[in-house]
Amino acid sequence: MFEGSMVALVTPFNNKGQADKEKIKQLAEFHVSKGTDVIVPCGCTGEAATLTHDEQKDIIRFVIETVAGRLKVVAGTGSNSTAEALHLTQYAEKVGADGALMITPYYNKPTPAGQYEHYKTVAEKVTIPIVLYNVPSRTGISMLPETVAKLHKIDNIVAIKEASGSLDQVSNILNLCDITVLSGDDSLTLPIMSVGGKGVISVVANIIPDMMADMVHSFLDGDAARAMQVHRRIFPLCKALFYETNPIPVKRALSLMGMIEYNLRLPLVPMSEENETRLKKVLKDFGLVS
């Protein structure tokens, strides 16, 4: 149901620290025009951890209204509280989201049985498709392939964003079930697709959506050589956007490109001078800034 190039959208803030809807609208239109298949607001890249629930719901609704069916919208609705995740997912369904991205509960570190019950509880109370999100670097736990396969037996759990950094994890999942696997690591998107993945929920697509879409669709269309060419071209940029914690570098890149203000919410702070210099060089070499 979900495949292709999907952007993990940043949340622009104005100088008062509020979500900047005009910039969100401009970014959404940018993705409509540049070949992005799905827009994913309010995930980790969207700084959901420091959004209030009211802000999160408002951004989800606004993005859905802005794209008006021109792109699919998969709303970030995850939480380490099952009740909160359910509330946000039910809201996303109510306002017309095409699906929901739900991170594995963080900090609590539930067992596989707890992970299963968390997702099952939400999935059985909504009808929209659910995308699981496995990102051990943020949550402190990794979902077992067996847990993923068990969850995929629930009708509306249709995909997983896999950000473990392990091709073995992807292969083990696909050996157990036919769930749609989406890369959660930009630099591993092509390798993950080579073992059966169907696309990416991408950070770098915030700044080069056309090139990420080119790479993903080239591979899906059978042109592996073209996909490899694009992969090699964008690889340094993919790595540069993780010089520091995401989304610090990508927001700095977007600000240098004149697309948003460079505002973060604490505890995130601007890049170090050393890493910003490194980032600027990569952006300049890529032709994104002068």
C-alpha atoms as a PDB file:
ATOM      1  CA  MET A   1       0.000   0.000   0.000  1.00  0.00           C
ATOM      2  CA  PHE A   2       2.848   2.399   0.818  1.00  0.00           C
ATOM      3  CA  GLU A   3       5.971   2.375  -1.294  1.00  0.00           C
ATOM      4  CA  GLY A   4       8.310   4.785  -3.021  1.00  0.00           C
ATOM      5  CA  SER A   5       9.931   7.954  -1.734  1.00  0.00           C
ATOM      6  CA  MET A   6       8.392   9.243   1.466  1.00  0.00           C
ATOM      7  CA  VAL A   7       9.628  12.290   3.319  1.00  0.00           C
ATOM      8  CA  ALA A   8       9.942  12.469   7.099  1.00  0.00           C
ATOM      9  CA  LEU A   9       8.912  16.116   7.169  1.00  0.00           C
ATOM     10  CA  VAL A  10      10.658  18.623   9.416  1.00  0.00           C
ATOM     11  CA  THR A  11       8.537  20.955  11.525  1.00  0.00           C
ATOM     12  CA  PRO A  12       9.591  24.548  10.838  1.00  0.00           C
ATOM     13  CA  PHE A  13       9.338  26.879  13.830  1.00  0.00           C
ATOM     14  CA  ASN A  14       9.130  30.655  13.667  1.00  0.00           C
ATOM     15  CA  ASN A  15      11.217  32.958  15.828  1.00  0.00           C
ATOM     16  CA  LYS A  16       8.580  32.745  18.572  1.00  0.00           C
ATOM     17  CA  GLY A  17       9.000  28.986  18.727  1.00  0.00           C
ATOM     18  CA  GLN A  18       5.641  28.214  17.148  1.00  0.00           C
ATOM     19  CA  ALA A  19       5.016  25.856  14.235  1.00  0.00           C
ATOM     20  CA  ASP A  20       5.293  27.967  11.084  1.00  0.00           C
ATOM     21  CA  LYS A  21       2.299  26.975   8.974  1.00  0.00           C
ATOM     22  CA  GLU A  22       3.286  29.085   6.011  1.00  0.00           C
ATOM     23  CA  LYS A  23       6.620  27.286   5.828  1.00  0.00           C
ATOM     24  CA  ILE A  24       4.906  23.915   6.309  1.00  0.00           C
ATOM     25  CA  LYS A  25       2.658  24.761   3.375  1.00  0.00           C
ATOM     26  CA  GLN A  26       5.641  25.746   1.224  1.00  0.00           C
ATOM     27  CA  LEU A  27       7.450  22.525   2.089  1.00  0.00           C
ATOM     28  CA  ALA A  28       4.358  20.468   1.282  1.00  0.00           C
ATOM     29  CA  GLU A  29       4.016  22.157  -2.111  1.00  0.00           C
ATOM     30  CA  PHE A  30       7.737  21.558  -2.709  1.00  0.00           C
ATOM     31  CA  HIS A  31       7.198  17.838  -2.220  1.00  0.00           C
ATOM     32  CA  VAL A  32       4.098  17.765  -4.409  1.00  0.00           C
ATOM     33  CA  SER A  33       6.134  19.323  -7.232  1.00  0.00           C
ATOM     34  CA  LYS A  34       9.269  17.208  -6.797  1.00  0.00           C
ATOM     35  CA  GLY A  35       7.940  13.661  -6.976  1.00  0.00           C
ATOM     36  CA  THR A  36       7.580  12.662  -3.329  1.00  0.00           C
ATOM     37  CA  ASP A  37       5.011   9.874  -2.955  1.00  0.00           C
ATOM     38  CA  VAL A  38       4.065  10.197   0.717  1.00  0.00           C
ATOM     39  CA  ILE A  39       4.517  12.957   3.268  1.00  0.00           C
ATOM     40  CA  VAL A  40       5.061  11.961   6.912  1.00  0.00           C
ATOM     41  CA  PRO A  41       4.534  14.807   9.396  1.00  0.00           C
ATOM     42  CA  CYS A  42       5.208  14.627  13.135  1.00  0.00           C
ATOM     43  CA  GLY A  43       7.715  11.803  13.250  1.00  0.00           C
ATOM     44  CA  CYS A  44      11.132  11.986  14.902  1.00  0.00           C
ATOM     45  CA  THR A  45      12.382  14.332  12.160  1.00  0.00           C
ATOM     46  CA  GLY A  46       9.341  16.520  12.851  1.00  0.00           C
ATOM     47  CA  GLU A  47      10.401  16.870  16.502  1.00  0.00           C
ATOM     48  CA  ALA A  48       7.216  15.192  17.690  1.00  0.00           C
ATOM     49  CA  ALA A  49       8.817  14.565  21.081  1.00  0.00           C
ATOM     50  CA  THR A  50       8.597  18.282  21.888  1.00  0.00           C
ATOM     51  CA  LEU A  51       5.267  19.038  20.225  1.00  0.00           C
ATOM     52  CA  THR A  52       2.208  19.229  22.438  1.00  0.00           C
ATOM     53  CA  HIS A  53      -0.592  16.888  21.421  1.00  0.00           C
ATOM     54  CA  ASP A  54      -2.636  19.871  20.290  1.00  0.00           C
ATOM     55  CA  GLU A  55       0.245  21.055  18.111  1.00  0.00           C
ATOM     56  CA  GLN A  56       0.756  17.574  16.706  1.00  0.00           C
ATOM     57  CA  LYS A  57      -2.900  17.199  15.802  1.00  0.00           C
ATOM     58  CA  ASP A  58      -3.005  20.675  14.285  1.00  0.00           C
ATOM     59  CA  ILE A  59       0.034  19.981  12.073  1.00  0.00           C
ATOM     60  CA  ILE A  60      -1.344  16.619  10.935  1.00  0.00           C
ATOM     61  CA  ARG A  61      -4.675  18.191  10.009  1.00  0.00           C
ATOM     62  CA  PHE A  62      -3.003  21.137   8.276  1.00  0.00           C
ATOM     63  CA  VAL A  63      -0.741  18.929   6.145  1.00  0.00           C
ATOM     64  CA  ILE A  64      -3.704  16.762   5.092  1.00  0.00           C
ATOM     65  CA  GLU A  65      -5.693  19.834   4.126  1.00  0.00           C
ATOM     66  CA  THR A  66      -2.737  21.379   2.298  1.00  0.00           C
ATOM     67  CA  VAL A  67      -1.879  18.393   0.089  1.00  0.00           C
ATOM     68  CA  ALA A  68      -5.598  17.750  -0.504  1.00  0.00           C
ATOM     69  CA  GLY A  69      -5.149  14.235  -1.833  1.00  0.00           C
ATOM     70  CA  ARG A  70      -2.229  15.052  -4.134  1.00  0.00           C
ATOM     71  CA  LEU A  71       0.078  13.020  -1.892  1.00  0.00           C
ATOM     72  CA  LYS A  72      -0.668  10.369   0.676  1.00  0.00           C
ATOM     73  CA  VAL A  73      -0.194  11.459   4.277  1.00  0.00           C
ATOM     74  CA  VAL A  74       1.074   9.024   6.902  1.00  0.00           C
ATOM     75  CA  ALA A  75       0.834  10.798  10.245  1.00  0.00           C
ATOM     76  CA  GLY A  76       3.335  10.270  13.019  1.00  0.00           C
ATOM     77  CA  THR A  77       1.172   9.152  15.937  1.00  0.00           C
ATOM     78  CA  GLY A  78       3.545   7.101  18.072  1.00  0.00           C
ATOM     79  CA  SER A  79       4.074   7.367  21.802  1.00  0.00           C
ATOM     80  CA  ASN A  80       5.502   5.326  24.627  1.00  0.00           C
ATOM     81  CA  SER A  81       2.008   5.479  26.121  1.00  0.00           C
ATOM     82  CA  THR A  82      -0.419   3.168  24.357  1.00  0.00           C
ATOM     83  CA  ALA A  83      -3.361   5.367  25.344  1.00  0.00           C
ATOM     84  CA  GLU A  84      -1.676   8.446  23.863  1.00  0.00           C
ATOM     85  CA  ALA A  85      -0.743   6.596  20.665  1.00  0.00           C
ATOM     86  CA  LEU A  86      -4.339   5.428  20.317  1.00  0.00           C
ATOM     87  CA  HIS A  87      -5.694   8.947  20.848  1.00  0.00           C
ATOM     88  CA  LEU A  88      -3.383  10.434  18.216  1.00  0.00           C
ATOM     89  CA  THR A  89      -4.028   7.631  15.722  1.00  0.00           C
ATOM     90  CA  GLN A  90      -7.787   7.928  16.104  1.00  0.00           C
ATOM     91  CA  TYR A  91      -7.462  11.670  15.493  1.00  0.00           C
ATOM     92  CA  ALA A  92      -5.345  11.090  12.377  1.00  0.00           C
ATOM     93  CA  GLU A  93      -7.987   8.719  11.046  1.00  0.00           C
ATOM     94  CA  LYS A  94     -10.752  11.227  11.822  1.00  0.00           C
ATOM     95  CA  VAL A  95      -9.094  14.028   9.828  1.00  0.00           C
ATOM     96  CA  GLY A  96      -8.318  11.855   6.806  1.00  0.00           C
ATOM     97  CA  ALA A  97      -4.770  10.538   7.145  1.00  0.00           C
ATOM     98  CA  ASP A  98      -3.954   7.690   4.773  1.00  0.00           C
ATOM     99  CA  GLY A  99      -2.022   5.873   7.477  1.00  0.00           C
ATOM    100  CA  ALA A 100      -0.166   6.222  10.759  1.00  0.00           C
ATOM    101  CA  LEU A 101       3.520   5.757  11.605  1.00  0.00           C
ATOM    102  CA  MET A 102       3.970   4.420  15.134  1.00  0.00           C
ATOM    103  CA  ILE A 103       7.357   4.239  16.809  1.00  0.00           C
ATOM    104  CA  THR A 104       8.156   1.320  19.095  1.00  0.00           C
ATOM    105  CA  PRO A 105       7.541   2.511  22.670  1.00  0.00           C
ATOM    106  CA  TYR A 106      10.677   4.192  23.976  1.00  0.00           C
ATOM    107  CA  TYR A 107      11.994   4.443  27.545  1.00  0.00           C
ATOM    108  CA  ASN A 108       9.540   1.824  28.897  1.00  0.00           C
ATOM    109  CA  LYS A 109      11.394  -0.784  26.759  1.00  0.00           C
ATOM    110  CA  PRO A 110       8.494  -3.246  26.538  1.00  0.00           C
ATOM    111  CA  THR A 111       9.129  -6.925  25.961  1.00  0.00           C
ATOM    112  CA  PRO A 112       8.124  -8.469  22.618  1.00  0.00           C
ATOM    113  CA  ALA A 113       4.800  -9.380  24.236  1.00  0.00           C
ATOM    114  CA  GLY A 114       4.314  -5.770  25.320  1.00  0.00           C
ATOM    115  CA  GLN A 115       5.236  -4.463  21.876  1.00  0.00           C
ATOM    116  CA  TYR A 116       2.688  -6.790  20.325  1.00  0.00           C
ATOM    117  CA  GLU A 117      -0.085  -5.691  22.676  1.00  0.00           C
ATOM    118  CA  HIS A 118       0.768  -2.011  22.165  1.00  0.00           C
ATOM    119  CA  TYR A 119       0.399  -2.143  18.397  1.00  0.00           C
ATOM    120  CA  LYS A 120      -2.519  -4.588  18.485  1.00  0.00           C
ATOM    121  CA  THR A 121      -4.478  -2.364  20.866  1.00  0.00           C
ATOM    122  CA  VAL A 122      -4.184   0.616  18.525  1.00  0.00           C
ATOM    123  CA  ALA A 123      -4.622  -1.271  15.251  1.00  0.00           C
ATOM    124  CA  GLU A 124      -7.829  -2.953  16.364  1.00  0.00           C
ATOM    125  CA  LYS A 125      -9.445   0.385  17.240  1.00  0.00           C
ATOM    126  CA  VAL A 126      -8.783   2.148  13.931  1.00  0.00           C
ATOM    127  CA  THR A 127      -9.217   1.191  10.293  1.00  0.00           C
ATOM    128  CA  ILE A 128      -6.362   3.146   8.709  1.00  0.00           C
ATOM    129  CA  PRO A 129      -3.139   1.281   7.839  1.00  0.00           C
ATOM    130  CA  ILE A 130      -0.410   1.197  10.475  1.00  0.00           C
ATOM    131  CA  VAL A 131       3.316   1.461   9.719  1.00  0.00           C
ATOM    132  CA  LEU A 132       5.496   0.038  12.480  1.00  0.00           C
ATOM    133  CA  TYR A 133       8.713   1.936  13.230  1.00  0.00           C
ATOM    134  CA  ASN A 134      11.761   0.101  14.526  1.00  0.00           C
ATOM    135  CA  VAL A 135      14.539   2.518  15.516  1.00  0.00           C
ATOM    136  CA  PRO A 136      16.630   1.023  18.324  1.00  0.00           C
ATOM    137  CA  SER A 137      19.016   3.998  18.454  1.00  0.00           C
ATOM    138  CA  ARG A 138      16.139   6.113  19.779  1.00  0.00           C
ATOM    139  CA  THR A 139      14.038   3.573  21.659  1.00  0.00           C
ATOM    140  CA  GLY A 140      16.641   1.356  23.308  1.00  0.00           C
ATOM    141  CA  ILE A 141      15.031  -1.821  21.956  1.00  0.00           C
ATOM    142  CA  SER A 142      14.775  -3.568  18.588  1.00  0.00           C
ATOM    143  CA  MET A 143      11.713  -5.431  17.408  1.00  0.00           C
ATOM    144  CA  LEU A 144      12.307  -9.098  16.729  1.00  0.00           C
ATOM    145  CA  PRO A 145      11.453 -10.244  13.194  1.00  0.00           C
ATOM    146  CA  GLU A 146       9.105 -12.774  14.806  1.00  0.00           C
ATOM    147  CA  THR A 147       7.196  -9.944  16.518  1.00  0.00           C
ATOM    148  CA  VAL A 148       6.898  -8.087  13.211  1.00  0.00           C
ATOM    149  CA  ALA A 149       5.594 -11.202  11.474  1.00  0.00           C
ATOM    150  CA  LYS A 150       3.034 -11.787  14.230  1.00  0.00           C
ATOM    151  CA  LEU A 151       1.847  -8.181  14.019  1.00  0.00           C
ATOM    152  CA  HIS A 152       1.524  -8.384  10.237  1.00  0.00           C
ATOM    153  CA  LYS A 153      -1.235 -10.934  10.729  1.00  0.00           C
ATOM    154  CA  ILE A 154      -3.381  -8.019  11.924  1.00  0.00           C
ATOM    155  CA  ASP A 155      -5.109  -6.769   8.775  1.00  0.00           C
ATOM    156  CA  ASN A 156      -4.216  -3.085   8.957  1.00  0.00           C
ATOM    157  CA  ILE A 157      -0.571  -3.459  10.046  1.00  0.00           C
ATOM    158  CA  VAL A 158       0.868  -3.231   6.557  1.00  0.00           C
ATOM    159  CA  ALA A 159       4.443  -1.917   6.692  1.00  0.00           C
ATOM    160  CA  ILE A 160       7.496  -1.290   8.845  1.00  0.00           C
ATOM    161  CA  LYS A 161       9.984   1.555   8.772  1.00  0.00           C
ATOM    162  CA  GLU A 162      13.177  -0.343   9.536  1.00  0.00           C
ATOM    163  CA  ALA A 163      15.958   1.783  11.006  1.00  0.00           C
ATOM    164  CA  SER A 164      18.008  -0.830  12.819  1.00  0.00           C
ATOM    165  CA  GLY A 165      20.862  -0.460  10.318  1.00  0.00           C
ATOM    166  CA  SER A 166      20.817  -4.213   9.738  1.00  0.00           C
ATOM    167  CA  LEU A 167      20.246  -5.888   6.390  1.00  0.00           C
ATOM    168  CA  ASP A 168      20.005  -9.190   8.270  1.00  0.00           C
ATOM    169  CA  GLN A 169      17.038  -7.761  10.191  1.00  0.00           C
ATOM    170  CA  VAL A 170      15.305  -6.843   6.931  1.00  0.00           C
ATOM    171  CA  SER A 171      16.033 -10.228   5.386  1.00  0.00           C
ATOM    172  CA  ASN A 172      14.800 -12.075   8.470  1.00  0.00           C
ATOM    173  CA  ILE A 173      11.562 -10.074   8.490  1.00  0.00           C
ATOM    174  CA  LEU A 174      10.913 -10.791   4.815  1.00  0.00           C
ATOM    175  CA  ASN A 175      11.719 -14.472   5.282  1.00  0.00           C
ATOM    176  CA  LEU A 176       8.925 -14.634   7.859  1.00  0.00           C
ATOM    177  CA  CYS A 177       6.217 -12.495   6.247  1.00  0.00           C
ATOM    178  CA  ASP A 178       5.397 -10.293   3.255  1.00  0.00           C
ATOM    179  CA  ILE A 179       5.048  -7.003   5.145  1.00  0.00           C
ATOM    180  CA  THR A 180       6.206  -3.924   3.212  1.00  0.00           C
ATOM    181  CA  VAL A 181       9.655  -2.913   4.473  1.00  0.00           C
ATOM    182  CA  LEU A 182      10.659   0.743   4.162  1.00  0.00           C
ATOM    183  CA  SER A 183      14.156   2.004   4.856  1.00  0.00           C
ATOM    184  CA  GLY A 184      14.575   4.270   7.841  1.00  0.00           C
ATOM    185  CA  ASP A 185      18.233   4.973   7.043  1.00  0.00           C
ATOM    186  CA  ASP A 186      18.843   7.087   3.937  1.00  0.00           C
ATOM    187  CA  SER A 187      22.290   5.707   3.209  1.00  0.00           C
ATOM    188  CA  LEU A 188      20.928   2.131   3.373  1.00  0.00           C
ATOM    189  CA  THR A 189      17.870   2.666   1.204  1.00  0.00           C
ATOM    190  CA  LEU A 190      19.293   1.047  -1.918  1.00  0.00           C
ATOM    191  CA  PRO A 191      20.818  -1.904  -0.022  1.00  0.00           C
ATOM    192  CA  ILE A 192      17.528  -2.468   1.796  1.00  0.00           C
ATOM    193  CA  MET A 193      15.623  -2.356  -1.491  1.00  0.00           C
ATOM    194  CA  SER A 194      18.079  -4.860  -2.951  1.00  0.00           C
ATOM    195  CA  VAL A 195      16.912  -7.440  -0.389  1.00  0.00           C
ATOM    196  CA  GLY A 196      13.213  -6.686  -0.817  1.00  0.00           C
ATOM    197  CA  GLY A 197      12.433  -3.236   0.593  1.00  0.00           C
ATOM    198  CA  LYS A 198       9.911  -1.079  -1.238  1.00  0.00           C
ATOM    199  CA  GLY A 199      11.090   2.451  -0.486  1.00  0.00           C
ATOM    200  CA  VAL A 200      12.145   4.857   2.233  1.00  0.00           C
ATOM    201  CA  ILE A 201      10.836   7.269   4.832  1.00  0.00           C
ATOM    202  CA  SER A 202      13.609   9.745   4.279  1.00  0.00           C
ATOM    203  CA  VAL A 203      15.353  12.638   5.983  1.00  0.00           C
ATOM    204  CA  VAL A 204      17.441  13.673   2.967  1.00  0.00           C
ATOM    205  CA  ALA A 205      14.266  13.881   0.865  1.00  0.00           C
ATOM    206  CA  ASN A 206      13.560  17.110   2.757  1.00  0.00           C
ATOM    207  CA  ILE A 207      16.260  18.784   0.653  1.00  0.00           C
ATOM    208  CA  ILE A 208      16.573  16.606  -2.488  1.00  0.00           C
ATOM    209  CA  PRO A 209      13.134  15.018  -2.939  1.00  0.00           C
ATOM    210  CA  ASP A 210      13.515  14.672  -6.708  1.00  0.00           C
ATOM    211  CA  MET A 211      16.772  12.721  -6.451  1.00  0.00           C
ATOM    212  CA  MET A 212      15.496  10.394  -3.733  1.00  0.00           C
ATOM    213  CA  ALA A 213      12.374   9.735  -5.800  1.00  0.00           C
ATOM    214  CA  ASP A 214      14.581   9.102  -8.860  1.00  0.00           C
ATOM    215  CA  MET A 215      16.690   6.541  -7.022  1.00  0.00           C
ATOM    216  CA  VAL A 216      13.785   4.679  -5.461  1.00  0.00           C
ATOM    217  CA  HIS A 217      11.621   4.561  -8.569  1.00  0.00           C
ATOM    218  CA  SER A 218      14.539   3.658 -10.810  1.00  0.00           C
ATOM    219  CA  PHE A 219      15.114   0.580  -8.684  1.00  0.00           C
ATOM    220  CA  LEU A 220      11.411  -0.277  -8.455  1.00  0.00           C
ATOM    221  CA  ASP A 221      11.174   0.053 -12.245  1.00  0.00           C
ATOM    222  CA  GLY A 222      14.077  -2.340 -12.777  1.00  0.00           C
ATOM    223  CA  ASP A 223      16.838   0.170 -13.575  1.00  0.00           C
ATOM    224  CA  ALA A 224      19.361  -0.867 -10.915  1.00  0.00           C
ATOM    225  CA  ALA A 225      22.225   0.869 -12.716  1.00  0.00           C
ATOM    226  CA  ARG A 226      20.477   4.230 -12.568  1.00  0.00           C
ATOM    227  CA  ALA A 227      19.543   3.671  -8.923  1.00  0.00           C
ATOM    228  CA  MET A 228      23.179   2.884  -8.082  1.00  0.00           C
ATOM    229  CA  GLN A 229      24.355   6.028  -9.863  1.00  0.00           C
ATOM    230  CA  VAL A 230      22.009   8.197  -7.814  1.00  0.00           C
ATOM    231  CA  HIS A 231      22.872   6.340  -4.600  1.00  0.00           C
ATOM    232  CA  ARG A 232      26.559   7.083  -5.045  1.00  0.00           C
ATOM    233  CA  ARG A 233      25.819  10.715  -5.827  1.00  0.00           C
ATOM    234  CA  ILE A 234      23.666  11.343  -2.769  1.00  0.00           C
ATOM    235  CA  PHE A 235      25.552   9.128  -0.291  1.00  0.00           C
ATOM    236  CA  PRO A 236      27.807  11.910   1.125  1.00  0.00           C
ATOM    237  CA  LEU A 237      24.750  14.094   1.679  1.00  0.00           C
ATOM    238  CA  CYS A 238      22.900  11.264   3.426  1.00  0.00           C
ATOM    239  CA  LYS A 239      25.808  10.878   5.841  1.00  0.00           C
ATOM    240  CA  ALA A 240      26.224  14.642   6.361  1.00  0.00           C
ATOM    241  CA  LEU A 241      22.661  14.990   7.620  1.00  0.00           C
ATOM    242  CA  PHE A 242      23.622  12.782  10.542  1.00  0.00           C
ATOM    243  CA  TYR A 243      26.769  14.610  11.651  1.00  0.00           C
ATOM    244  CA  GLU A 244      24.665  15.452  14.698  1.00  0.00           C
ATOM    245  CA  THR A 245      21.292  14.313  16.010  1.00  0.00           C
ATOM    246  CA  ASN A 246      18.527  14.431  13.414  1.00  0.00           C
ATOM    247  CA  PRO A 247      16.878  16.877  12.626  1.00  0.00           C
ATOM    248  CA  ILE A 248      19.560  19.396  13.594  1.00  0.00           C
ATOM    249  CA  PRO A 249      21.613  19.110  10.360  1.00  0.00           C
ATOM    250  CA  VAL A 250      18.649  18.882   7.971  1.00  0.00           C
ATOM    251  CA  LYS A 251      17.056  21.982   9.494  1.00  0.00           C
ATOM    252  CA  ARG A 252      20.352  23.819   9.130  1.00  0.00           C
ATOM    253  CA  ALA A 253      20.585  22.673   5.516  1.00  0.00           C
ATOM    254  CA  LEU A 254      17.045  23.871   4.783  1.00  0.00           C
ATOM    255  CA  SER A 255      17.800  27.208   6.404  1.00  0.00           C
ATOM    256  CA  LEU A 256      20.962  27.630   4.323  1.00  0.00           C
ATOM    257  CA  MET A 257      18.843  26.884   1.248  1.00  0.00           C
ATOM    258  CA  GLY A 258      16.478  29.696   2.299  1.00  0.00           C
ATOM    259  CA  MET A 259      13.512  27.405   2.911  1.00  0.00           C
ATOM    260  CA  ILE A 260      12.971  27.674   6.680  1.00  0.00           C
ATOM    261  CA  GLU A 261      14.240  29.517   9.729  1.00  0.00           C
ATOM    262  CA  TYR A 262      16.890  27.651  11.712  1.00  0.00           C
ATOM    263  CA  ASN A 263      14.900  27.118  14.882  1.00  0.00           C
ATOM    264  CA  LEU A 264      14.907  24.031  17.079  1.00  0.00           C
ATOM    265  CA  ARG A 265      13.212  23.154  20.339  1.00  0.00           C
ATOM    266  CA  LEU A 266      15.235  22.384  23.416  1.00  0.00           C
ATOM    267  CA  PRO A 267      16.876  20.089  24.246  1.00  0.00           C
ATOM    268  CA  LEU A 268      18.035  20.234  20.603  1.00  0.00           C
ATOM    269  CA  VAL A 269      20.490  23.058  19.936  1.00  0.00           C
ATOM    270  CA  PRO A 270      22.259  24.376  16.810  1.00  0.00           C
ATOM    271  CA  MET A 271      25.144  22.445  15.296  1.00  0.00           C
ATOM    272  CA  SER A 272      28.676  22.911  16.511  1.00  0.00           C
ATOM    273  CA  GLU A 273      30.774  25.257  14.389  1.00  0.00           C
ATOM    274  CA  GLU A 274      32.997  22.390  13.288  1.00  0.00           C
ATOM    275  CA  ASN A 275      30.139  20.200  12.092  1.00  0.00           C
ATOM    276  CA  GLU A 276      28.344  23.116  10.443  1.00  0.00           C
ATOM    277  CA  THR A 277      31.490  23.851   8.432  1.00  0.00           C
ATOM    278  CA  ARG A 278      31.593  20.211   7.328  1.00  0.00           C
ATOM    279  CA  LEU A 279      27.904  20.306   6.396  1.00  0.00           C
ATOM    280  CA  LYS A 280      28.280  23.512   4.386  1.00  0.00           C
ATOM    281  CA  LYS A 281      31.087  21.969   2.361  1.00  0.00           C
ATOM    282  CA  VAL A 282      28.960  18.954   1.432  1.00  0.00           C
ATOM    283  CA  LEU A 283      26.018  21.194   0.514  1.00  0.00           C
ATOM    284  CA  LYS A 284      28.286  23.405  -1.563  1.00  0.00           C
ATOM    285  CA  ASP A 285      29.870  20.431  -3.337  1.00  0.00           C
ATOM    286  CA  PHE A 286      26.361  19.189  -4.089  1.00  0.00           C
ATOM    287  CA  GLY A 287      25.330  22.568  -5.535  1.00  0.00           C
ATOM    288  CA  LEU A 288      22.609  23.227  -2.973  1.00  0.00           C
ATOM    289  CA  VAL A 289      24.225  26.393  -1.595  1.00  0.00           C
ATOM    290  CA  SER A 290      26.655  28.850  -3.099  1.00  0.00           C
END
